[in-house]
Amino acid sequence: MATKNTTIFVKIDDRNNVERSLRKFKRLCESFGVVKEYRKRQDYKKPSVRLKEKTEAAAKRRVKTEFKVSKYNRV
């Protein structure tokens, strides 16, 4: 998986005060996935545990989509 090496810049000038710039910075961090990545790396999970969680999430998504499809296909 390739990672992007980008830096988040927020200019602070007379029109954008510090509070507004801080909100913009938080939004940019959210959109770039910084917080999500930080939380993911906070604790170590064994590869087997990660695989198990991934398969459970896939099964949950599958059940959810099957429910949606069956809901709209009723006659």
PDB file of N, CA and C in Angstrom:
ATOM      1  N   MET A   1       0.847  -1.177   0.000  1.00  0.00           N
ATOM      2  CA  MET A   1       0.000   0.000   0.000  1.00  0.00           C
ATOM      3  C   MET A   1       0.888   1.235   0.000  1.00  0.00           C
ATOM      4  N   ALA A   2       0.700   2.067  -0.976  1.00  0.00           N
ATOM      5  CA  ALA A   2       1.490   3.287  -1.086  1.00  0.00           C
ATOM      6  C   ALA A   2       0.889   4.370  -0.209  1.00  0.00           C
ATOM      7  N   THR A   3       1.759   5.108   0.458  1.00  0.00           N
ATOM      8  CA  THR A   3       1.288   6.197   1.295  1.00  0.00           C
ATOM      9  C   THR A   3       1.667   7.520   0.644  1.00  0.00           C
ATOM     10  N   LYS A   4       0.831   8.512   0.878  1.00  0.00           N
ATOM     11  CA  LYS A   4       1.103   9.839   0.343  1.00  0.00           C
ATOM     12  C   LYS A   4       1.959  10.606   1.340  1.00  0.00           C
ATOM     13  N   ASN A   5       2.988  11.234   0.846  1.00  0.00           N
ATOM     14  CA  ASN A   5       3.810  12.100   1.676  1.00  0.00           C
ATOM     15  C   ASN A   5       3.411  13.540   1.399  1.00  0.00           C
ATOM     16  N   THR A   6       2.348  13.970   2.042  1.00  0.00           N
ATOM     17  CA  THR A   6       1.876  15.334   1.862  1.00  0.00           C
ATOM     18  C   THR A   6       1.878  16.024   3.212  1.00  0.00           C
ATOM     19  N   THR A   7       2.023  17.315   3.151  1.00  0.00           N
ATOM     20  CA  THR A   7       2.008  18.127   4.353  1.00  0.00           C
ATOM     21  C   THR A   7       0.772  19.016   4.306  1.00  0.00           C
ATOM     22  N   ILE A   8       0.139  19.164   5.428  1.00  0.00           N
ATOM     23  CA  ILE A   8      -1.067  19.979   5.509  1.00  0.00           C
ATOM     24  C   ILE A   8      -0.659  21.397   5.898  1.00  0.00           C
ATOM     25  N   PHE A   9      -1.010  22.356   5.042  1.00  0.00           N
ATOM     26  CA  PHE A   9      -0.718  23.760   5.302  1.00  0.00           C
ATOM     27  C   PHE A   9      -2.019  24.527   5.466  1.00  0.00           C
ATOM     28  N   VAL A  10      -2.052  25.404   6.466  1.00  0.00           N
ATOM     29  CA  VAL A  10      -3.177  26.314   6.648  1.00  0.00           C
ATOM     30  C   VAL A  10      -2.600  27.705   6.880  1.00  0.00           C
ATOM     31  N   LYS A  11      -2.947  28.626   6.000  1.00  0.00           N
ATOM     32  CA  LYS A  11      -2.442  29.983   6.140  1.00  0.00           C
ATOM     33  C   LYS A  11      -3.292  30.753   7.140  1.00  0.00           C
ATOM     34  N   ILE A  12      -2.639  31.500   7.996  1.00  0.00           N
ATOM     35  CA  ILE A  12      -3.328  32.361   8.954  1.00  0.00           C
ATOM     36  C   ILE A  12      -3.046  33.798   8.540  1.00  0.00           C
ATOM     37  N   ASP A  13      -4.103  34.525   8.203  1.00  0.00           N
ATOM     38  CA  ASP A  13      -3.937  35.924   7.833  1.00  0.00           C
ATOM     39  C   ASP A  13      -5.010  36.761   8.526  1.00  0.00           C
ATOM     40  N   ASP A  14      -5.173  38.002   8.097  1.00  0.00           N
ATOM     41  CA  ASP A  14      -6.112  38.908   8.758  1.00  0.00           C
ATOM     42  C   ASP A  14      -7.561  38.442   8.615  1.00  0.00           C
ATOM     43  N   ARG A  15      -7.899  37.883   7.471  1.00  0.00           N
ATOM     44  CA  ARG A  15      -9.280  37.439   7.256  1.00  0.00           C
ATOM     45  C   ARG A  15      -9.600  36.172   8.046  1.00  0.00           C
ATOM     46  N   ASN A  16      -8.651  35.243   8.125  1.00  0.00           N
ATOM     47  CA  ASN A  16      -8.876  33.979   8.830  1.00  0.00           C
ATOM     48  C   ASN A  16      -8.201  34.041  10.192  1.00  0.00           C
ATOM     49  N   ASN A  17      -9.018  34.168  11.230  1.00  0.00           N
ATOM     50  CA  ASN A  17      -8.432  34.222  12.561  1.00  0.00           C
ATOM     51  C   ASN A  17      -7.983  32.821  12.986  1.00  0.00           C
ATOM     52  N   VAL A  18      -7.415  32.711  14.144  1.00  0.00           N
ATOM     53  CA  VAL A  18      -6.808  31.465  14.600  1.00  0.00           C
ATOM     54  C   VAL A  18      -7.861  30.374  14.783  1.00  0.00           C
ATOM     55  N   GLU A  19      -9.011  30.721  15.326  1.00  0.00           N
ATOM     56  CA  GLU A  19     -10.051  29.709  15.561  1.00  0.00           C
ATOM     57  C   GLU A  19     -10.538  29.110  14.248  1.00  0.00           C
ATOM     58  N   ARG A  20     -10.767  29.965  13.269  1.00  0.00           N
ATOM     59  CA  ARG A  20     -11.226  29.486  11.967  1.00  0.00           C
ATOM     60  C   ARG A  20     -10.155  28.626  11.296  1.00  0.00           C
ATOM     61  N   SER A  21      -8.905  29.045  11.414  1.00  0.00           N
ATOM     62  CA  SER A  21      -7.808  28.276  10.827  1.00  0.00           C
ATOM     63  C   SER A  21      -7.632  26.930  11.524  1.00  0.00           C
ATOM     64  N   LEU A  22      -7.847  26.905  12.822  1.00  0.00           N
ATOM     65  CA  LEU A  22      -7.756  25.645  13.566  1.00  0.00           C
ATOM     66  C   LEU A  22      -8.859  24.688  13.131  1.00  0.00           C
ATOM     67  N   ARG A  23     -10.061  25.198  12.937  1.00  0.00           N
ATOM     68  CA  ARG A  23     -11.167  24.357  12.448  1.00  0.00           C
ATOM     69  C   ARG A  23     -10.841  23.803  11.068  1.00  0.00           C
ATOM     70  N   LYS A  24     -10.269  24.651  10.206  1.00  0.00           N
ATOM     71  CA  LYS A  24      -9.892  24.210   8.864  1.00  0.00           C
ATOM     72  C   LYS A  24      -8.818  23.141   8.935  1.00  0.00           C
ATOM     73  N   PHE A  25      -7.854  23.305   9.826  1.00  0.00           N
ATOM     74  CA  PHE A  25      -6.799  22.310  10.006  1.00  0.00           C
ATOM     75  C   PHE A  25      -7.377  20.971  10.460  1.00  0.00           C
ATOM     76  N   LYS A  26      -8.310  21.021  11.397  1.00  0.00           N
ATOM     77  CA  LYS A  26      -8.942  19.787  11.873  1.00  0.00           C
ATOM     78  C   LYS A  26      -9.702  19.091  10.752  1.00  0.00           C
ATOM     79  N   ARG A  27     -10.406  19.868   9.933  1.00  0.00           N
ATOM     80  CA  ARG A  27     -11.140  19.289   8.802  1.00  0.00           C
ATOM     81  C   ARG A  27     -10.184  18.633   7.814  1.00  0.00           C
ATOM     82  N   LEU A  28      -9.072  19.306   7.530  1.00  0.00           N
ATOM     83  CA  LEU A  28      -8.088  18.741   6.601  1.00  0.00           C
ATOM     84  C   LEU A  28      -7.478  17.456   7.159  1.00  0.00           C
ATOM     85  N   CYS A  29      -7.175  17.450   8.453  1.00  0.00           N
ATOM     86  CA  CYS A  29      -6.635  16.235   9.073  1.00  0.00           C
ATOM     87  C   CYS A  29      -7.638  15.096   8.971  1.00  0.00           C
ATOM     88  N   GLU A  30      -8.908  15.397   9.166  1.00  0.00           N
ATOM     89  CA  GLU A  30      -9.964  14.385   9.057  1.00  0.00           C
ATOM     90  C   GLU A  30     -10.043  13.846   7.633  1.00  0.00           C
ATOM     91  N   SER A  31      -9.981  14.750   6.649  1.00  0.00           N
ATOM     92  CA  SER A  31     -10.117  14.316   5.257  1.00  0.00           C
ATOM     93  C   SER A  31      -8.900  13.527   4.781  1.00  0.00           C
ATOM     94  N   PHE A  32      -7.709  13.825   5.302  1.00  0.00           N
ATOM     95  CA  PHE A  32      -6.517  13.080   4.933  1.00  0.00           C
ATOM     96  C   PHE A  32      -6.385  11.780   5.717  1.00  0.00           C
ATOM     97  N   GLY A  33      -7.226  11.581   6.739  1.00  0.00           N
ATOM     98  CA  GLY A  33      -7.203  10.338   7.505  1.00  0.00           C
ATOM     99  C   GLY A  33      -6.118  10.282   8.564  1.00  0.00           C
ATOM    100  N   VAL A  34      -5.646  11.428   9.017  1.00  0.00           N
ATOM    101  CA  VAL A  34      -4.572  11.467  10.008  1.00  0.00           C
ATOM    102  C   VAL A  34      -5.033  10.874  11.339  1.00  0.00           C
ATOM    103  N   VAL A  35      -6.216  11.275  11.780  1.00  0.00           N
ATOM    104  CA  VAL A  35      -6.721  10.816  13.078  1.00  0.00           C
ATOM    105  C   VAL A  35      -6.999   9.310  13.036  1.00  0.00           C
ATOM    106  N   LYS A  36      -7.582   8.854  11.933  1.00  0.00           N
ATOM    107  CA  LYS A  36      -7.882   7.423  11.785  1.00  0.00           C
ATOM    108  C   LYS A  36      -6.603   6.589  11.825  1.00  0.00           C
ATOM    109  N   GLU A  37      -5.579   7.058  11.124  1.00  0.00           N
ATOM    110  CA  GLU A  37      -4.299   6.348  11.108  1.00  0.00           C
ATOM    111  C   GLU A  37      -3.650   6.353  12.488  1.00  0.00           C
ATOM    112  N   TYR A  38      -3.755   7.476  13.188  1.00  0.00           N
ATOM    113  CA  TYR A  38      -3.185   7.570  14.535  1.00  0.00           C
ATOM    114  C   TYR A  38      -3.835   6.561  15.476  1.00  0.00           C
ATOM    115  N   ARG A  39      -5.169   6.511  15.424  1.00  0.00           N
ATOM    116  CA  ARG A  39      -5.877   5.573  16.297  1.00  0.00           C
ATOM    117  C   ARG A  39      -5.548   4.128  15.935  1.00  0.00           C
ATOM    118  N   LYS A  40      -5.364   3.872  14.640  1.00  0.00           N
ATOM    119  CA  LYS A  40      -5.042   2.517  14.191  1.00  0.00           C
ATOM    120  C   LYS A  40      -3.671   2.082  14.713  1.00  0.00           C
ATOM    121  N   ARG A  41      -2.734   3.008  14.787  1.00  0.00           N
ATOM    122  CA  ARG A  41      -1.369   2.682  15.208  1.00  0.00           C
ATOM    123  C   ARG A  41      -1.148   2.786  16.705  1.00  0.00           C
ATOM    124  N   GLN A  42      -2.170   3.193  17.463  1.00  0.00           N
ATOM    125  CA  GLN A  42      -1.997   3.361  18.900  1.00  0.00           C
ATOM    126  C   GLN A  42      -1.645   2.057  19.597  1.00  0.00           C
ATOM    127  N   ASP A  43      -2.293   0.989  19.202  1.00  0.00           N
ATOM    128  CA  ASP A  43      -2.001  -0.290  19.836  1.00  0.00           C
ATOM    129  C   ASP A  43      -1.707  -1.326  18.765  1.00  0.00           C
ATOM    130  N   TYR A  44      -0.857  -2.283  19.097  1.00  0.00           N
ATOM    131  CA  TYR A  44      -0.459  -3.320  18.154  1.00  0.00           C
ATOM    132  C   TYR A  44      -1.473  -4.441  18.168  1.00  0.00           C
ATOM    133  N   LYS A  45      -1.856  -4.882  16.983  1.00  0.00           N
ATOM    134  CA  LYS A  45      -2.726  -6.041  16.851  1.00  0.00           C
ATOM    135  C   LYS A  45      -1.989  -7.089  16.032  1.00  0.00           C
ATOM    136  N   LYS A  46      -2.093  -8.322  16.495  1.00  0.00           N
ATOM    137  CA  LYS A  46      -1.461  -9.404  15.757  1.00  0.00           C
ATOM    138  C   LYS A  46      -2.118  -9.524  14.387  1.00  0.00           C
ATOM    139  N   PRO A  47      -1.356  -9.976  13.403  1.00  0.00           N
ATOM    140  CA  PRO A  47      -1.926 -10.119  12.062  1.00  0.00           C
ATOM    141  C   PRO A  47      -3.150 -11.035  12.032  1.00  0.00           C
ATOM    142  N   SER A  48      -3.167 -12.059  12.870  1.00  0.00           N
ATOM    143  CA  SER A  48      -4.316 -12.964  12.891  1.00  0.00           C
ATOM    144  C   SER A  48      -5.560 -12.245  13.414  1.00  0.00           C
ATOM    145  N   VAL A  49      -5.384 -11.363  14.385  1.00  0.00           N
ATOM    146  CA  VAL A  49      -6.513 -10.607  14.932  1.00  0.00           C
ATOM    147  C   VAL A  49      -7.030  -9.611  13.893  1.00  0.00           C
ATOM    148  N   ARG A  50      -6.100  -8.952  13.182  1.00  0.00           N
ATOM    149  CA  ARG A  50      -6.513  -8.014  12.141  1.00  0.00           C
ATOM    150  C   ARG A  50      -7.287  -8.725  11.032  1.00  0.00           C
ATOM    151  N   LEU A  51      -6.818  -9.907  10.641  1.00  0.00           N
ATOM    152  CA  LEU A  51      -7.501 -10.675   9.605  1.00  0.00           C
ATOM    153  C   LEU A  51      -8.893 -11.093  10.058  1.00  0.00           C
ATOM    154  N   LYS A  52      -9.008 -11.507  11.313  1.00  0.00           N
ATOM    155  CA  LYS A  52     -10.304 -11.906  11.851  1.00  0.00           C
ATOM    156  C   LYS A  52     -11.275 -10.725  11.854  1.00  0.00           C
ATOM    157  N   GLU A  53     -10.800  -9.555  12.289  1.00  0.00           N
ATOM    158  CA  GLU A  53     -11.655  -8.361  12.297  1.00  0.00           C
ATOM    159  C   GLU A  53     -12.073  -7.974  10.886  1.00  0.00           C
ATOM    160  N   LYS A  54     -11.144  -8.123   9.950  1.00  0.00           N
ATOM    161  CA  LYS A  54     -11.436  -7.768   8.569  1.00  0.00           C
ATOM    162  C   LYS A  54     -12.501  -8.687   7.985  1.00  0.00           C
ATOM    163  N   THR A  55     -12.405  -9.992   8.242  1.00  0.00           N
ATOM    164  CA  THR A  55     -13.396 -10.932   7.716  1.00  0.00           C
ATOM    165  C   THR A  55     -14.754 -10.733   8.385  1.00  0.00           C
ATOM    166  N   GLU A  56     -14.752 -10.414   9.681  1.00  0.00           N
ATOM    167  CA  GLU A  56     -16.024 -10.144  10.367  1.00  0.00           C
ATOM    168  C   GLU A  56     -16.690  -8.888   9.815  1.00  0.00           C
ATOM    169  N   ALA A  57     -15.908  -7.865   9.528  1.00  0.00           N
ATOM    170  CA  ALA A  57     -16.459  -6.633   8.968  1.00  0.00           C
ATOM    171  C   ALA A  57     -17.019  -6.893   7.573  1.00  0.00           C
ATOM    172  N   ALA A  58     -16.337  -7.716   6.787  1.00  0.00           N
ATOM    173  CA  ALA A  58     -16.823  -8.050   5.451  1.00  0.00           C
ATOM    174  C   ALA A  58     -18.132  -8.824   5.532  1.00  0.00           C
ATOM    175  N   ALA A  59     -18.220  -9.764   6.474  1.00  0.00           N
ATOM    176  CA  ALA A  59     -19.451 -10.529   6.646  1.00  0.00           C
ATOM    177  C   ALA A  59     -20.595  -9.614   7.066  1.00  0.00           C
ATOM    178  N   LYS A  60     -20.310  -8.665   7.934  1.00  0.00           N
ATOM    179  CA  LYS A  60     -21.330  -7.724   8.385  1.00  0.00           C
ATOM    180  C   LYS A  60     -21.820  -6.867   7.224  1.00  0.00           C
ATOM    181  N   ARG A  61     -20.891  -6.394   6.377  1.00  0.00           N
ATOM    182  CA  ARG A  61     -21.280  -5.611   5.211  1.00  0.00           C
ATOM    183  C   ARG A  61     -22.127  -6.440   4.253  1.00  0.00           C
ATOM    184  N   ARG A  62     -21.736  -7.698   4.078  1.00  0.00           N
ATOM    185  CA  ARG A  62     -22.463  -8.587   3.181  1.00  0.00           C
ATOM    186  C   ARG A  62     -23.907  -8.783   3.651  1.00  0.00           C
ATOM    187  N   VAL A  63     -24.086  -9.027   4.940  1.00  0.00           N
ATOM    188  CA  VAL A  63     -25.426  -9.213   5.495  1.00  0.00           C
ATOM    189  C   VAL A  63     -26.244  -7.940   5.334  1.00  0.00           C
ATOM    190  N   LYS A  64     -25.612  -6.808   5.557  1.00  0.00           N
ATOM    191  CA  LYS A  64     -26.309  -5.526   5.446  1.00  0.00           C
ATOM    192  C   LYS A  64     -26.789  -5.287   4.015  1.00  0.00           C
ATOM    193  N   THR A  65     -25.927  -5.550   3.029  1.00  0.00           N
ATOM    194  CA  THR A  65     -26.341  -5.340   1.641  1.00  0.00           C
ATOM    195  C   THR A  65     -27.404  -6.349   1.225  1.00  0.00           C
ATOM    196  N   GLU A  66     -27.309  -7.591   1.687  1.00  0.00           N
ATOM    197  CA  GLU A  66     -28.341  -8.585   1.382  1.00  0.00           C
ATOM    198  C   GLU A  66     -29.687  -8.153   1.952  1.00  0.00           C
ATOM    199  N   PHE A  67     -29.679  -7.586   3.141  1.00  0.00           N
ATOM    200  CA  PHE A  67     -30.912  -7.104   3.758  1.00  0.00           C
ATOM    201  C   PHE A  67     -31.517  -5.976   2.929  1.00  0.00           C
ATOM    202  N   LYS A  68     -30.668  -5.047   2.477  1.00  0.00           N
ATOM    203  CA  LYS A  68     -31.160  -3.931   1.668  1.00  0.00           C
ATOM    204  C   LYS A  68     -31.746  -4.427   0.353  1.00  0.00           C
ATOM    205  N   VAL A  69     -31.064  -5.375  -0.283  1.00  0.00           N
ATOM    206  CA  VAL A  69     -31.542  -5.903  -1.557  1.00  0.00           C
ATOM    207  C   VAL A  69     -32.862  -6.637  -1.362  1.00  0.00           C
ATOM    208  N   SER A  70     -32.957  -7.470  -0.346  1.00  0.00           N
ATOM    209  CA  SER A  70     -34.177  -8.224  -0.114  1.00  0.00           C
ATOM    210  C   SER A  70     -35.333  -7.291   0.282  1.00  0.00           C
ATOM    211  N   LYS A  71     -35.010  -6.198   0.939  1.00  0.00           N
ATOM    212  CA  LYS A  71     -36.026  -5.240   1.363  1.00  0.00           C
ATOM    213  C   LYS A  71     -36.708  -4.602   0.159  1.00  0.00           C
ATOM    214  N   TYR A  72     -35.915  -4.300  -0.886  1.00  0.00           N
ATOM    215  CA  TYR A  72     -36.459  -3.624  -2.070  1.00  0.00           C
ATOM    216  C   TYR A  72     -36.999  -4.605  -3.106  1.00  0.00           C
ATOM    217  N   ASN A  73     -36.710  -5.888  -2.986  1.00  0.00           N
ATOM    218  CA  ASN A  73     -37.169  -6.878  -3.954  1.00  0.00           C
ATOM    219  C   ASN A  73     -38.454  -7.574  -3.531  1.00  0.00           C
ATOM    220  N   ARG A  74     -39.071  -7.133  -2.474  1.00  0.00           N
ATOM    221  CA  ARG A  74     -40.333  -7.743  -2.035  1.00  0.00           C
ATOM    222  C   ARG A  74     -41.449  -7.383  -3.014  1.00  0.00           C
ATOM    223  N   VAL A  75     -42.338  -8.335  -3.207  1.00  0.00           N
ATOM    224  CA  VAL A  75     -43.461  -8.073  -4.122  1.00  0.00           C
ATOM    225  C   VAL A  75     -44.754  -8.204  -3.392  1.00  0.00           C
TER     226      VAL A  75
END
